[in-house]
Amino acid sequence: MASTKGAGKRDPAAKSEEFDVKSAIKMSHVKRVIKNKTRRKTSKVACHAVAIAVYVIIKEIVIGAMEAADLEHKKKILPKHINLAMHKDADLVKISSGVLVRSGGVSNVIPPEMLRRKQNDKE
């Protein structure tokens, strides 16, 4: 008698929802871009570039998830949560100063240059 354990289709709800960023950023593609743009061809440069990109993406997702949970008690991360995360973290502000998130809404963050001017005007 054959065992029925493990037979049939897998339950889609039981599937892991974890997203692997490394599979989204291909090392061969990064090597090709670096080779075309610069004269450097070492694999260490491509490895470091991928590591930095993965770090930034994971940081944006984690802070965006915290924003979604804190503000609206939601599990789903929307573009506005990513936009808020990019404007709240000091490191991400430096990296993504000219980045516009589509459907992210208007950022309610006042640039530090404007704050300094207002403080100087008051004095």
PDB file of N, CA and C in Angstrom:
ATOM      1  N   MET A   1       0.842  -1.163   0.000  1.00  0.00           N
ATOM      2  CA  MET A   1       0.000   0.000   0.000  1.00  0.00           C
ATOM      3  C   MET A   1       0.895   1.237   0.000  1.00  0.00           C
ATOM      4  N   ALA A   2       0.610   2.139  -0.895  1.00  0.00           N
ATOM      5  CA  ALA A   2       1.417   3.348  -1.035  1.00  0.00           C
ATOM      6  C   ALA A   2       0.971   4.388  -0.012  1.00  0.00           C
ATOM      7  N   SER A   3       1.914   5.122   0.416  1.00  0.00           N
ATOM      8  CA  SER A   3       1.631   6.180   1.386  1.00  0.00           C
ATOM      9  C   SER A   3       0.993   7.373   0.684  1.00  0.00           C
ATOM     10  N   THR A   4       0.006   7.988   1.323  1.00  0.00           N
ATOM     11  CA  THR A   4      -0.643   9.160   0.739  1.00  0.00           C
ATOM     12  C   THR A   4       0.023  10.448   1.187  1.00  0.00           C
ATOM     13  N   LYS A   5       1.010  10.323   2.019  1.00  0.00           N
ATOM     14  CA  LYS A   5       1.689  11.513   2.520  1.00  0.00           C
ATOM     15  C   LYS A   5       2.514  12.138   1.396  1.00  0.00           C
ATOM     16  N   GLY A   6       2.281  13.396   1.113  1.00  0.00           N
ATOM     17  CA  GLY A   6       3.044  14.099   0.089  1.00  0.00           C
ATOM     18  C   GLY A   6       2.486  13.925  -1.311  1.00  0.00           C
ATOM     19  N   ALA A   7       1.389  13.229  -1.450  1.00  0.00           N
ATOM     20  CA  ALA A   7       0.818  13.004  -2.771  1.00  0.00           C
ATOM     21  C   ALA A   7      -0.057  14.181  -3.173  1.00  0.00           C
ATOM     22  N   GLY A   8      -0.139  14.438  -4.447  1.00  0.00           N
ATOM     23  CA  GLY A   8      -1.004  15.500  -4.950  1.00  0.00           C
ATOM     24  C   GLY A   8      -0.281  16.823  -5.078  1.00  0.00           C
ATOM     25  N   LYS A   9      -1.066  17.839  -5.406  1.00  0.00           N
ATOM     26  CA  LYS A   9      -0.494  19.170  -5.605  1.00  0.00           C
ATOM     27  C   LYS A   9      -0.173  19.812  -4.266  1.00  0.00           C
ATOM     28  N   ARG A  10       0.788  20.695  -4.316  1.00  0.00           N
ATOM     29  CA  ARG A  10       1.152  21.434  -3.111  1.00  0.00           C
ATOM     30  C   ARG A  10       0.120  22.519  -2.852  1.00  0.00           C
ATOM     31  N   ASP A  11      -0.067  22.815  -1.591  1.00  0.00           N
ATOM     32  CA  ASP A  11      -0.994  23.870  -1.192  1.00  0.00           C
ATOM     33  C   ASP A  11      -0.337  25.221  -1.460  1.00  0.00           C
ATOM     34  N   PRO A  12      -0.948  26.088  -2.292  1.00  0.00           N
ATOM     35  CA  PRO A  12      -0.323  27.378  -2.583  1.00  0.00           C
ATOM     36  C   PRO A  12      -0.226  28.281  -1.358  1.00  0.00           C
ATOM     37  N   ALA A  13      -1.097  28.089  -0.384  1.00  0.00           N
ATOM     38  CA  ALA A  13      -1.043  28.910   0.826  1.00  0.00           C
ATOM     39  C   ALA A  13       0.146  28.528   1.694  1.00  0.00           C
ATOM     40  N   ALA A  14       0.612  27.293   1.571  1.00  0.00           N
ATOM     41  CA  ALA A  14       1.732  26.835   2.382  1.00  0.00           C
ATOM     42  C   ALA A  14       3.071  27.253   1.790  1.00  0.00           C
ATOM     43  N   LYS A  15       3.049  27.817   0.603  1.00  0.00           N
ATOM     44  CA  LYS A  15       4.276  28.216  -0.068  1.00  0.00           C
ATOM     45  C   LYS A  15       4.929  29.368   0.687  1.00  0.00           C
ATOM     46  N   SER A  16       6.223  29.360   0.736  1.00  0.00           N
ATOM     47  CA  SER A  16       6.950  30.424   1.424  1.00  0.00           C
ATOM     48  C   SER A  16       6.806  31.724   0.649  1.00  0.00           C
ATOM     49  N   GLU A  17       6.506  32.808   1.366  1.00  0.00           N
ATOM     50  CA  GLU A  17       6.332  34.111   0.729  1.00  0.00           C
ATOM     51  C   GLU A  17       7.623  34.915   0.741  1.00  0.00           C
ATOM     52  N   GLU A  18       8.700  34.292   1.149  1.00  0.00           N
ATOM     53  CA  GLU A  18       9.970  34.998   1.239  1.00  0.00           C
ATOM     54  C   GLU A  18      10.526  35.238  -0.158  1.00  0.00           C
ATOM     55  N   PHE A  19      10.956  36.455  -0.423  1.00  0.00           N
ATOM     56  CA  PHE A  19      11.475  36.834  -1.736  1.00  0.00           C
ATOM     57  C   PHE A  19      12.989  36.864  -1.671  1.00  0.00           C
ATOM     58  N   ASP A  20      13.639  36.209  -2.608  1.00  0.00           N
ATOM     59  CA  ASP A  20      15.091  36.179  -2.634  1.00  0.00           C
ATOM     60  C   ASP A  20      15.577  37.275  -3.571  1.00  0.00           C
ATOM     61  N   VAL A  21      16.213  38.287  -3.011  1.00  0.00           N
ATOM     62  CA  VAL A  21      16.669  39.424  -3.804  1.00  0.00           C
ATOM     63  C   VAL A  21      17.825  39.012  -4.702  1.00  0.00           C
ATOM     64  N   LYS A  22      18.630  38.065  -4.251  1.00  0.00           N
ATOM     65  CA  LYS A  22      19.787  37.644  -5.040  1.00  0.00           C
ATOM     66  C   LYS A  22      19.366  37.025  -6.365  1.00  0.00           C
ATOM     67  N   SER A  23      18.205  36.399  -6.396  1.00  0.00           N
ATOM     68  CA  SER A  23      17.748  35.822  -7.659  1.00  0.00           C
ATOM     69  C   SER A  23      17.233  36.905  -8.603  1.00  0.00           C
ATOM     70  N   ALA A  24      16.848  38.058  -8.062  1.00  0.00           N
ATOM     71  CA  ALA A  24      16.356  39.152  -8.899  1.00  0.00           C
ATOM     72  C   ALA A  24      17.507  39.933  -9.516  1.00  0.00           C
ATOM     73  N   ILE A  25      18.646  39.982  -8.837  1.00  0.00           N
ATOM     74  CA  ILE A  25      19.815  40.702  -9.343  1.00  0.00           C
ATOM     75  C   ILE A  25      20.829  39.656  -9.791  1.00  0.00           C
ATOM     76  N   LYS A  26      20.970  39.492 -11.071  1.00  0.00           N
ATOM     77  CA  LYS A  26      21.862  38.475 -11.620  1.00  0.00           C
ATOM     78  C   LYS A  26      23.302  38.984 -11.651  1.00  0.00           C
ATOM     79  N   MET A  27      24.218  38.172 -11.141  1.00  0.00           N
ATOM     80  CA  MET A  27      25.624  38.547 -11.083  1.00  0.00           C
ATOM     81  C   MET A  27      26.196  38.702 -12.492  1.00  0.00           C
ATOM     82  N   SER A  28      25.776  37.847 -13.422  1.00  0.00           N
ATOM     83  CA  SER A  28      26.307  37.932 -14.784  1.00  0.00           C
ATOM     84  C   SER A  28      25.893  39.237 -15.456  1.00  0.00           C
ATOM     85  N   HIS A  29      24.676  39.687 -15.178  1.00  0.00           N
ATOM     86  CA  HIS A  29      24.211  40.956 -15.755  1.00  0.00           C
ATOM     87  C   HIS A  29      25.017  42.126 -15.195  1.00  0.00           C
ATOM     88  N   VAL A  30      25.271  42.102 -13.895  1.00  0.00           N
ATOM     89  CA  VAL A  30      26.054  43.176 -13.268  1.00  0.00           C
ATOM     90  C   VAL A  30      27.476  43.177 -13.822  1.00  0.00           C
ATOM     91  N   LYS A  31      28.067  41.998 -14.003  1.00  0.00           N
ATOM     92  CA  LYS A  31      29.419  41.916 -14.576  1.00  0.00           C
ATOM     93  C   LYS A  31      29.448  42.505 -15.983  1.00  0.00           C
ATOM     94  N   ARG A  32      28.430  42.203 -16.783  1.00  0.00           N
ATOM     95  CA  ARG A  32      28.377  42.707 -18.149  1.00  0.00           C
ATOM     96  C   ARG A  32      28.245  44.228 -18.169  1.00  0.00           C
ATOM     97  N   VAL A  33      27.409  44.773 -17.299  1.00  0.00           N
ATOM     98  CA  VAL A  33      27.239  46.228 -17.245  1.00  0.00           C
ATOM     99  C   VAL A  33      28.533  46.896 -16.816  1.00  0.00           C
ATOM    100  N   ILE A  34      29.193  46.346 -15.807  1.00  0.00           N
ATOM    101  CA  ILE A  34      30.461  46.925 -15.340  1.00  0.00           C
ATOM    102  C   ILE A  34      31.519  46.830 -16.430  1.00  0.00           C
ATOM    103  N   LYS A  35      31.540  45.717 -17.153  1.00  0.00           N
ATOM    104  CA  LYS A  35      32.517  45.550 -18.229  1.00  0.00           C
ATOM    105  C   LYS A  35      32.269  46.553 -19.351  1.00  0.00           C
ATOM    106  N   ASN A  36      31.010  46.817 -19.679  1.00  0.00           N
ATOM    107  CA  ASN A  36      30.691  47.760 -20.751  1.00  0.00           C
ATOM    108  C   ASN A  36      30.926  49.207 -20.342  1.00  0.00           C
ATOM    109  N   LYS A  37      30.666  49.547 -19.088  1.00  0.00           N
ATOM    110  CA  LYS A  37      30.774  50.936 -18.640  1.00  0.00           C
ATOM    111  C   LYS A  37      32.181  51.319 -18.205  1.00  0.00           C
ATOM    112  N   THR A  38      32.914  50.381 -17.645  1.00  0.00           N
ATOM    113  CA  THR A  38      34.266  50.676 -17.150  1.00  0.00           C
ATOM    114  C   THR A  38      35.242  49.674 -17.732  1.00  0.00           C
ATOM    115  N   ARG A  39      36.485  49.834 -17.382  1.00  0.00           N
ATOM    116  CA  ARG A  39      37.497  48.891 -17.856  1.00  0.00           C
ATOM    117  C   ARG A  39      37.802  47.811 -16.822  1.00  0.00           C
ATOM    118  N   ARG A  40      37.134  47.868 -15.701  1.00  0.00           N
ATOM    119  CA  ARG A  40      37.367  46.875 -14.649  1.00  0.00           C
ATOM    120  C   ARG A  40      36.577  45.611 -14.965  1.00  0.00           C
ATOM    121  N   LYS A  41      37.223  44.477 -14.765  1.00  0.00           N
ATOM    122  CA  LYS A  41      36.568  43.224 -15.104  1.00  0.00           C
ATOM    123  C   LYS A  41      36.606  42.220 -13.959  1.00  0.00           C
ATOM    124  N   THR A  42      36.997  42.646 -12.768  1.00  0.00           N
ATOM    125  CA  THR A  42      37.114  41.689 -11.681  1.00  0.00           C
ATOM    126  C   THR A  42      35.739  41.291 -11.166  1.00  0.00           C
ATOM    127  N   SER A  43      35.669  40.081 -10.659  1.00  0.00           N
ATOM    128  CA  SER A  43      34.397  39.602 -10.125  1.00  0.00           C
ATOM    129  C   SER A  43      34.108  40.208  -8.758  1.00  0.00           C
ATOM    130  N   LYS A  44      35.146  40.694  -8.075  1.00  0.00           N
ATOM    131  CA  LYS A  44      34.939  41.295  -6.759  1.00  0.00           C
ATOM    132  C   LYS A  44      34.126  42.585  -6.870  1.00  0.00           C
ATOM    133  N   VAL A  45      34.358  43.356  -7.918  1.00  0.00           N
ATOM    134  CA  VAL A  45      33.615  44.603  -8.109  1.00  0.00           C
ATOM    135  C   VAL A  45      32.133  44.292  -8.304  1.00  0.00           C
ATOM    136  N   ALA A  46      31.831  43.311  -9.128  1.00  0.00           N
ATOM    137  CA  ALA A  46      30.433  42.943  -9.364  1.00  0.00           C
ATOM    138  C   ALA A  46      29.798  42.388  -8.096  1.00  0.00           C
ATOM    139  N   CYS A  47      30.554  41.610  -7.345  1.00  0.00           N
ATOM    140  CA  CYS A  47      30.040  41.036  -6.102  1.00  0.00           C
ATOM    141  C   CYS A  47      29.704  42.132  -5.099  1.00  0.00           C
ATOM    142  N   HIS A  48      30.576  43.132  -4.982  1.00  0.00           N
ATOM    143  CA  HIS A  48      30.328  44.236  -4.056  1.00  0.00           C
ATOM    144  C   HIS A  48      29.146  45.091  -4.521  1.00  0.00           C
ATOM    145  N   ALA A  49      29.023  45.300  -5.819  1.00  0.00           N
ATOM    146  CA  ALA A  49      27.898  46.085  -6.345  1.00  0.00           C
ATOM    147  C   ALA A  49      26.570  45.386  -6.053  1.00  0.00           C
ATOM    148  N   VAL A  50      26.535  44.078  -6.233  1.00  0.00           N
ATOM    149  CA  VAL A  50      25.319  43.319  -5.941  1.00  0.00           C
ATOM    150  C   VAL A  50      25.025  43.342  -4.443  1.00  0.00           C
ATOM    151  N   ALA A  51      26.063  43.232  -3.617  1.00  0.00           N
ATOM    152  CA  ALA A  51      25.860  43.251  -2.166  1.00  0.00           C
ATOM    153  C   ALA A  51      25.279  44.586  -1.708  1.00  0.00           C
ATOM    154  N   ILE A  52      25.773  45.679  -2.274  1.00  0.00           N
ATOM    155  CA  ILE A  52      25.257  47.003  -1.911  1.00  0.00           C
ATOM    156  C   ILE A  52      23.806  47.154  -2.362  1.00  0.00           C
ATOM    157  N   ALA A  53      23.509  46.706  -3.572  1.00  0.00           N
ATOM    158  CA  ALA A  53      22.131  46.803  -4.079  1.00  0.00           C
ATOM    159  C   ALA A  53      21.173  45.973  -3.227  1.00  0.00           C
ATOM    160  N   VAL A  54      21.598  44.774  -2.842  1.00  0.00           N
ATOM    161  CA  VAL A  54      20.765  43.915  -2.001  1.00  0.00           C
ATOM    162  C   VAL A  54      20.536  44.568  -0.643  1.00  0.00           C
ATOM    163  N   TYR A  55      21.584  45.159  -0.066  1.00  0.00           N
ATOM    164  CA  TYR A  55      21.465  45.830   1.235  1.00  0.00           C
ATOM    165  C   TYR A  55      20.458  46.978   1.174  1.00  0.00           C
ATOM    166  N   VAL A  56      20.546  47.793   0.135  1.00  0.00           N
ATOM    167  CA  VAL A  56      19.646  48.945   0.010  1.00  0.00           C
ATOM    168  C   VAL A  56      18.207  48.481  -0.188  1.00  0.00           C
ATOM    169  N   ILE A  57      18.004  47.476  -1.028  1.00  0.00           N
ATOM    170  CA  ILE A  57      16.649  46.985  -1.291  1.00  0.00           C
ATOM    171  C   ILE A  57      16.034  46.383  -0.032  1.00  0.00           C
ATOM    172  N   ILE A  58      16.813  45.581   0.686  1.00  0.00           N
ATOM    173  CA  ILE A  58      16.294  44.968   1.909  1.00  0.00           C
ATOM    174  C   ILE A  58      15.981  46.035   2.951  1.00  0.00           C
ATOM    175  N   LYS A  59      16.845  47.046   3.050  1.00  0.00           N
ATOM    176  CA  LYS A  59      16.609  48.119   4.018  1.00  0.00           C
ATOM    177  C   LYS A  59      15.328  48.876   3.678  1.00  0.00           C
ATOM    178  N   GLU A  60      15.103  49.156   2.396  1.00  0.00           N
ATOM    179  CA  GLU A  60      13.871  49.841   1.986  1.00  0.00           C
ATOM    180  C   GLU A  60      12.641  49.000   2.303  1.00  0.00           C
ATOM    181  N   ILE A  61      12.715  47.706   2.045  1.00  0.00           N
ATOM    182  CA  ILE A  61      11.566  46.833   2.287  1.00  0.00           C
ATOM    183  C   ILE A  61      11.272  46.718   3.776  1.00  0.00           C
ATOM    184  N   VAL A  62      12.316  46.577   4.592  1.00  0.00           N
ATOM    185  CA  VAL A  62      12.111  46.433   6.036  1.00  0.00           C
ATOM    186  C   VAL A  62      11.520  47.709   6.631  1.00  0.00           C
ATOM    187  N   ILE A  63      12.072  48.862   6.268  1.00  0.00           N
ATOM    188  CA  ILE A  63      11.549  50.120   6.805  1.00  0.00           C
ATOM    189  C   ILE A  63      10.147  50.387   6.263  1.00  0.00           C
ATOM    190  N   GLY A  64       9.900  50.035   5.006  1.00  0.00           N
ATOM    191  CA  GLY A  64       8.557  50.178   4.439  1.00  0.00           C
ATOM    192  C   GLY A  64       7.543  49.293   5.147  1.00  0.00           C
ATOM    193  N   ALA A  65       7.950  48.084   5.514  1.00  0.00           N
ATOM    194  CA  ALA A  65       7.054  47.191   6.250  1.00  0.00           C
ATOM    195  C   ALA A  65       6.757  47.746   7.635  1.00  0.00           C
ATOM    196  N   MET A  66       7.763  48.341   8.266  1.00  0.00           N
ATOM    197  CA  MET A  66       7.539  48.955   9.578  1.00  0.00           C
ATOM    198  C   MET A  66       6.590  50.140   9.465  1.00  0.00           C
ATOM    199  N   GLU A  67       6.735  50.937   8.401  1.00  0.00           N
ATOM    200  CA  GLU A  67       5.835  52.073   8.183  1.00  0.00           C
ATOM    201  C   GLU A  67       4.401  51.589   7.974  1.00  0.00           C
ATOM    202  N   ALA A  68       4.240  50.524   7.192  1.00  0.00           N
ATOM    203  CA  ALA A  68       2.899  49.998   6.932  1.00  0.00           C
ATOM    204  C   ALA A  68       2.269  49.469   8.213  1.00  0.00           C
ATOM    205  N   ALA A  69       3.068  48.804   9.033  1.00  0.00           N
ATOM    206  CA  ALA A  69       2.538  48.241  10.270  1.00  0.00           C
ATOM    207  C   ALA A  69       2.223  49.331  11.289  1.00  0.00           C
ATOM    208  N   ASP A  70       3.076  50.340  11.381  1.00  0.00           N
ATOM    209  CA  ASP A  70       2.883  51.388  12.385  1.00  0.00           C
ATOM    210  C   ASP A  70       1.750  52.338  12.022  1.00  0.00           C
ATOM    211  N   LEU A  71       1.735  52.803  10.773  1.00  0.00           N
ATOM    212  CA  LEU A  71       0.762  53.824  10.391  1.00  0.00           C
ATOM    213  C   LEU A  71      -0.645  53.271  10.197  1.00  0.00           C
ATOM    214  N   GLU A  72      -0.760  52.219   9.444  1.00  0.00           N
ATOM    215  CA  GLU A  72      -2.085  51.762   9.036  1.00  0.00           C
ATOM    216  C   GLU A  72      -2.410  50.345   9.487  1.00  0.00           C
ATOM    217  N   HIS A  73      -1.542  49.735  10.265  1.00  0.00           N
ATOM    218  CA  HIS A  73      -1.746  48.375  10.763  1.00  0.00           C
ATOM    219  C   HIS A  73      -2.011  47.403   9.616  1.00  0.00           C
ATOM    220  N   LYS A  74      -1.198  47.503   8.571  1.00  0.00           N
ATOM    221  CA  LYS A  74      -1.347  46.646   7.397  1.00  0.00           C
ATOM    222  C   LYS A  74      -0.107  45.786   7.226  1.00  0.00           C
ATOM    223  N   LYS A  75      -0.301  44.632   6.590  1.00  0.00           N
ATOM    224  CA  LYS A  75       0.820  43.753   6.285  1.00  0.00           C
ATOM    225  C   LYS A  75       1.353  43.994   4.879  1.00  0.00           C
ATOM    226  N   LYS A  76       0.510  44.518   4.008  1.00  0.00           N
ATOM    227  CA  LYS A  76       0.903  44.747   2.620  1.00  0.00           C
ATOM    228  C   LYS A  76       1.657  46.071   2.504  1.00  0.00           C
ATOM    229  N   ILE A  77       2.794  46.032   1.828  1.00  0.00           N
ATOM    230  CA  ILE A  77       3.615  47.228   1.647  1.00  0.00           C
ATOM    231  C   ILE A  77       3.210  47.888   0.335  1.00  0.00           C
ATOM    232  N   LEU A  78       2.784  49.134   0.410  1.00  0.00           N
ATOM    233  CA  LEU A  78       2.386  49.904  -0.764  1.00  0.00           C
ATOM    234  C   LEU A  78       3.514  50.848  -1.166  1.00  0.00           C
ATOM    235  N   PRO A  79       3.459  51.407  -2.381  1.00  0.00           N
ATOM    236  CA  PRO A  79       4.504  52.352  -2.795  1.00  0.00           C
ATOM    237  C   PRO A  79       4.639  53.556  -1.873  1.00  0.00           C
ATOM    238  N   LYS A  80       3.542  53.988  -1.258  1.00  0.00           N
ATOM    239  CA  LYS A  80       3.656  55.134  -0.354  1.00  0.00           C
ATOM    240  C   LYS A  80       4.462  54.781   0.888  1.00  0.00           C
ATOM    241  N   HIS A  81       4.435  53.507   1.316  1.00  0.00           N
ATOM    242  CA  HIS A  81       5.238  53.097   2.463  1.00  0.00           C
ATOM    243  C   HIS A  81       6.722  53.096   2.106  1.00  0.00           C
ATOM    244  N   ILE A  82       7.045  52.669   0.882  1.00  0.00           N
ATOM    245  CA  ILE A  82       8.438  52.710   0.428  1.00  0.00           C
ATOM    246  C   ILE A  82       8.901  54.157   0.333  1.00  0.00           C
ATOM    247  N   ASN A  83       8.046  55.032  -0.160  1.00  0.00           N
ATOM    248  CA  ASN A  83       8.378  56.452  -0.271  1.00  0.00           C
ATOM    249  C   ASN A  83       8.631  57.057   1.107  1.00  0.00           C
ATOM    250  N   LEU A  84       7.773  56.742   2.078  1.00  0.00           N
ATOM    251  CA  LEU A  84       7.979  57.232   3.438  1.00  0.00           C
ATOM    252  C   LEU A  84       9.271  56.691   4.032  1.00  0.00           C
ATOM    253  N   ALA A  85       9.566  55.418   3.752  1.00  0.00           N
ATOM    254  CA  ALA A  85      10.789  54.813   4.276  1.00  0.00           C
ATOM    255  C   ALA A  85      12.024  55.484   3.696  1.00  0.00           C
ATOM    256  N   MET A  86      11.968  55.808   2.402  1.00  0.00           N
ATOM    257  CA  MET A  86      13.126  56.442   1.766  1.00  0.00           C
ATOM    258  C   MET A  86      13.364  57.837   2.311  1.00  0.00           C
ATOM    259  N   HIS A  87      12.315  58.528   2.718  1.00  0.00           N
ATOM    260  CA  HIS A  87      12.476  59.894   3.212  1.00  0.00           C
ATOM    261  C   HIS A  87      12.736  59.964   4.711  1.00  0.00           C
ATOM    262  N   LYS A  88      12.502  58.879   5.439  1.00  0.00           N
ATOM    263  CA  LYS A  88      12.720  58.910   6.885  1.00  0.00           C
ATOM    264  C   LYS A  88      14.122  58.472   7.288  1.00  0.00           C
ATOM    265  N   ASP A  89      14.742  57.588   6.516  1.00  0.00           N
ATOM    266  CA  ASP A  89      16.061  57.073   6.866  1.00  0.00           C
ATOM    267  C   ASP A  89      17.138  57.978   6.289  1.00  0.00           C
ATOM    268  N   ALA A  90      18.134  58.320   7.103  1.00  0.00           N
ATOM    269  CA  ALA A  90      19.175  59.261   6.675  1.00  0.00           C
ATOM    270  C   ALA A  90      20.033  58.688   5.545  1.00  0.00           C
ATOM    271  N   ASP A  91      20.367  57.403   5.626  1.00  0.00           N
ATOM    272  CA  ASP A  91      21.192  56.788   4.581  1.00  0.00           C
ATOM    273  C   ASP A  91      20.438  56.706   3.259  1.00  0.00           C
ATOM    274  N   LEU A  92      19.170  56.341   3.330  1.00  0.00           N
ATOM    275  CA  LEU A  92      18.385  56.223   2.105  1.00  0.00           C
ATOM    276  C   LEU A  92      18.097  57.581   1.485  1.00  0.00           C
ATOM    277  N   VAL A  93      18.052  58.636   2.299  1.00  0.00           N
ATOM    278  CA  VAL A  93      17.857  59.987   1.754  1.00  0.00           C
ATOM    279  C   VAL A  93      19.051  60.367   0.892  1.00  0.00           C
ATOM    280  N   LYS A  94      20.261  60.034   1.360  1.00  0.00           N
ATOM    281  CA  LYS A  94      21.466  60.358   0.588  1.00  0.00           C
ATOM    282  C   LYS A  94      21.514  59.568  -0.717  1.00  0.00           C
ATOM    283  N   ILE A  95      21.146  58.297  -0.643  1.00  0.00           N
ATOM    284  CA  ILE A  95      21.221  57.440  -1.827  1.00  0.00           C
ATOM    285  C   ILE A  95      20.126  57.785  -2.833  1.00  0.00           C
ATOM    286  N   SER A  96      18.922  58.009  -2.336  1.00  0.00           N
ATOM    287  CA  SER A  96      17.775  58.176  -3.229  1.00  0.00           C
ATOM    288  C   SER A  96      17.238  59.599  -3.209  1.00  0.00           C
ATOM    289  N   SER A  97      18.125  60.562  -3.323  1.00  0.00           N
ATOM    290  CA  SER A  97      17.675  61.956  -3.266  1.00  0.00           C
ATOM    291  C   SER A  97      16.867  62.346  -4.502  1.00  0.00           C
ATOM    292  N   GLY A  98      17.199  61.813  -5.659  1.00  0.00           N
ATOM    293  CA  GLY A  98      16.488  62.177  -6.878  1.00  0.00           C
ATOM    294  C   GLY A  98      15.522  61.116  -7.358  1.00  0.00           C
ATOM    295  N   VAL A  99      15.182  60.163  -6.506  1.00  0.00           N
ATOM    296  CA  VAL A  99      14.335  59.048  -6.905  1.00  0.00           C
ATOM    297  C   VAL A  99      12.874  59.393  -6.650  1.00  0.00           C
ATOM    298  N   LEU A 100      12.041  59.091  -7.631  1.00  0.00           N
ATOM    299  CA  LEU A 100      10.603  59.308  -7.510  1.00  0.00           C
ATOM    300  C   LEU A 100       9.917  57.949  -7.564  1.00  0.00           C
ATOM    301  N   VAL A 101       9.152  57.628  -6.533  1.00  0.00           N
ATOM    302  CA  VAL A 101       8.431  56.361  -6.487  1.00  0.00           C
ATOM    303  C   VAL A 101       7.074  56.562  -7.137  1.00  0.00           C
ATOM    304  N   ARG A 102       6.787  55.765  -8.139  1.00  0.00           N
ATOM    305  CA  ARG A 102       5.511  55.866  -8.833  1.00  0.00           C
ATOM    306  C   ARG A 102       4.386  55.449  -7.889  1.00  0.00           C
ATOM    307  N   SER A 103       3.327  56.189  -7.862  1.00  0.00           N
ATOM    308  CA  SER A 103       2.178  55.978  -6.978  1.00  0.00           C
ATOM    309  C   SER A 103       2.562  56.069  -5.511  1.00  0.00           C
ATOM    310  N   GLY A 104       3.651  56.752  -5.227  1.00  0.00           N
ATOM    311  CA  GLY A 104       4.116  56.866  -3.854  1.00  0.00           C
ATOM    312  C   GLY A 104       3.514  58.020  -3.102  1.00  0.00           C
ATOM    313  N   GLY A 105       2.786  58.867  -3.783  1.00  0.00           N
ATOM    314  CA  GLY A 105       2.193  60.015  -3.119  1.00  0.00           C
ATOM    315  C   GLY A 105       3.207  61.129  -2.938  1.00  0.00           C
ATOM    316  N   VAL A 106       2.776  62.183  -2.302  1.00  0.00           N
ATOM    317  CA  VAL A 106       3.635  63.336  -2.071  1.00  0.00           C
ATOM    318  C   VAL A 106       4.366  63.124  -0.762  1.00  0.00           C
ATOM    319  N   SER A 107       5.662  63.361  -0.764  1.00  0.00           N
ATOM    320  CA  SER A 107       6.407  63.216   0.481  1.00  0.00           C
ATOM    321  C   SER A 107       6.159  64.440   1.342  1.00  0.00           C
ATOM    322  N   ASN A 108       5.859  64.198   2.593  1.00  0.00           N
ATOM    323  CA  ASN A 108       5.569  65.294   3.499  1.00  0.00           C
ATOM    324  C   ASN A 108       6.809  65.711   4.288  1.00  0.00           C
ATOM    325  N   VAL A 109       7.959  65.391   3.766  1.00  0.00           N
ATOM    326  CA  VAL A 109       9.204  65.715   4.444  1.00  0.00           C
ATOM    327  C   VAL A 109       9.713  67.055   3.924  1.00  0.00           C
ATOM    328  N   ILE A 110      10.011  67.964   4.824  1.00  0.00           N
ATOM    329  CA  ILE A 110      10.544  69.268   4.447  1.00  0.00           C
ATOM    330  C   ILE A 110      12.054  69.130   4.308  1.00  0.00           C
ATOM    331  N   PRO A 111      12.619  69.568   3.185  1.00  0.00           N
ATOM    332  CA  PRO A 111      14.069  69.459   3.017  1.00  0.00           C
ATOM    333  C   PRO A 111      14.803  70.247   4.096  1.00  0.00           C
ATOM    334  N   PRO A 112      15.965  69.747   4.544  1.00  0.00           N
ATOM    335  CA  PRO A 112      16.703  70.430   5.606  1.00  0.00           C
ATOM    336  C   PRO A 112      17.161  71.829   5.208  1.00  0.00           C
ATOM    337  N   GLU A 113      17.362  72.071   3.903  1.00  0.00           N
ATOM    338  CA  GLU A 113      17.781  73.400   3.458  1.00  0.00           C
ATOM    339  C   GLU A 113      16.706  74.434   3.758  1.00  0.00           C
ATOM    340  N   MET A 114      15.451  74.056   3.590  1.00  0.00           N
ATOM    341  CA  MET A 114      14.346  74.972   3.863  1.00  0.00           C
ATOM    342  C   MET A 114      14.224  75.264   5.357  1.00  0.00           C
ATOM    343  N   LEU A 115      14.472  74.260   6.173  1.00  0.00           N
ATOM    344  CA  LEU A 115      14.391  74.464   7.620  1.00  0.00           C
ATOM    345  C   LEU A 115      15.468  75.427   8.096  1.00  0.00           C
ATOM    346  N   ARG A 116      16.668  75.310   7.567  1.00  0.00           N
ATOM    347  CA  ARG A 116      17.765  76.198   7.972  1.00  0.00           C
ATOM    348  C   ARG A 116      17.452  77.639   7.601  1.00  0.00           C
ATOM    349  N   ARG A 117      16.888  77.837   6.430  1.00  0.00           N
ATOM    350  CA  ARG A 117      16.556  79.188   5.992  1.00  0.00           C
ATOM    351  C   ARG A 117      15.504  79.818   6.903  1.00  0.00           C
ATOM    352  N   LYS A 118      14.514  79.053   7.292  1.00  0.00           N
ATOM    353  CA  LYS A 118      13.467  79.587   8.152  1.00  0.00           C
ATOM    354  C   LYS A 118      14.022  79.929   9.529  1.00  0.00           C
ATOM    355  N   GLN A 119      14.927  79.099  10.041  1.00  0.00           N
ATOM    356  CA  GLN A 119      15.511  79.374  11.347  1.00  0.00           C
ATOM    357  C   GLN A 119      16.390  80.614  11.290  1.00  0.00           C
ATOM    358  N   ASN A 120      17.111  80.804  10.185  1.00  0.00           N
ATOM    359  CA  ASN A 120      17.963  81.986  10.046  1.00  0.00           C
ATOM    360  C   ASN A 120      17.125  83.251   9.890  1.00  0.00           C
ATOM    361  N   ASP A 121      15.971  83.149   9.233  1.00  0.00           N
ATOM    362  CA  ASP A 121      15.105  84.313   9.048  1.00  0.00           C
ATOM    363  C   ASP A 121      14.504  84.780  10.371  1.00  0.00           C
ATOM    364  N   LYS A 122      14.224  83.840  11.272  1.00  0.00           N
ATOM    365  CA  LYS A 122      13.618  84.193  12.555  1.00  0.00           C
ATOM    366  C   LYS A 122      14.591  84.964  13.446  1.00  0.00           C
ATOM    367  N   GLU A 123      15.870  84.678  13.314  1.00  0.00           N
ATOM    368  CA  GLU A 123      16.871  85.322  14.178  1.00  0.00           C
ATOM    369  C   GLU A 123      17.225  86.676  13.713  1.00  0.00           C
TER     370      GLU A 123
END
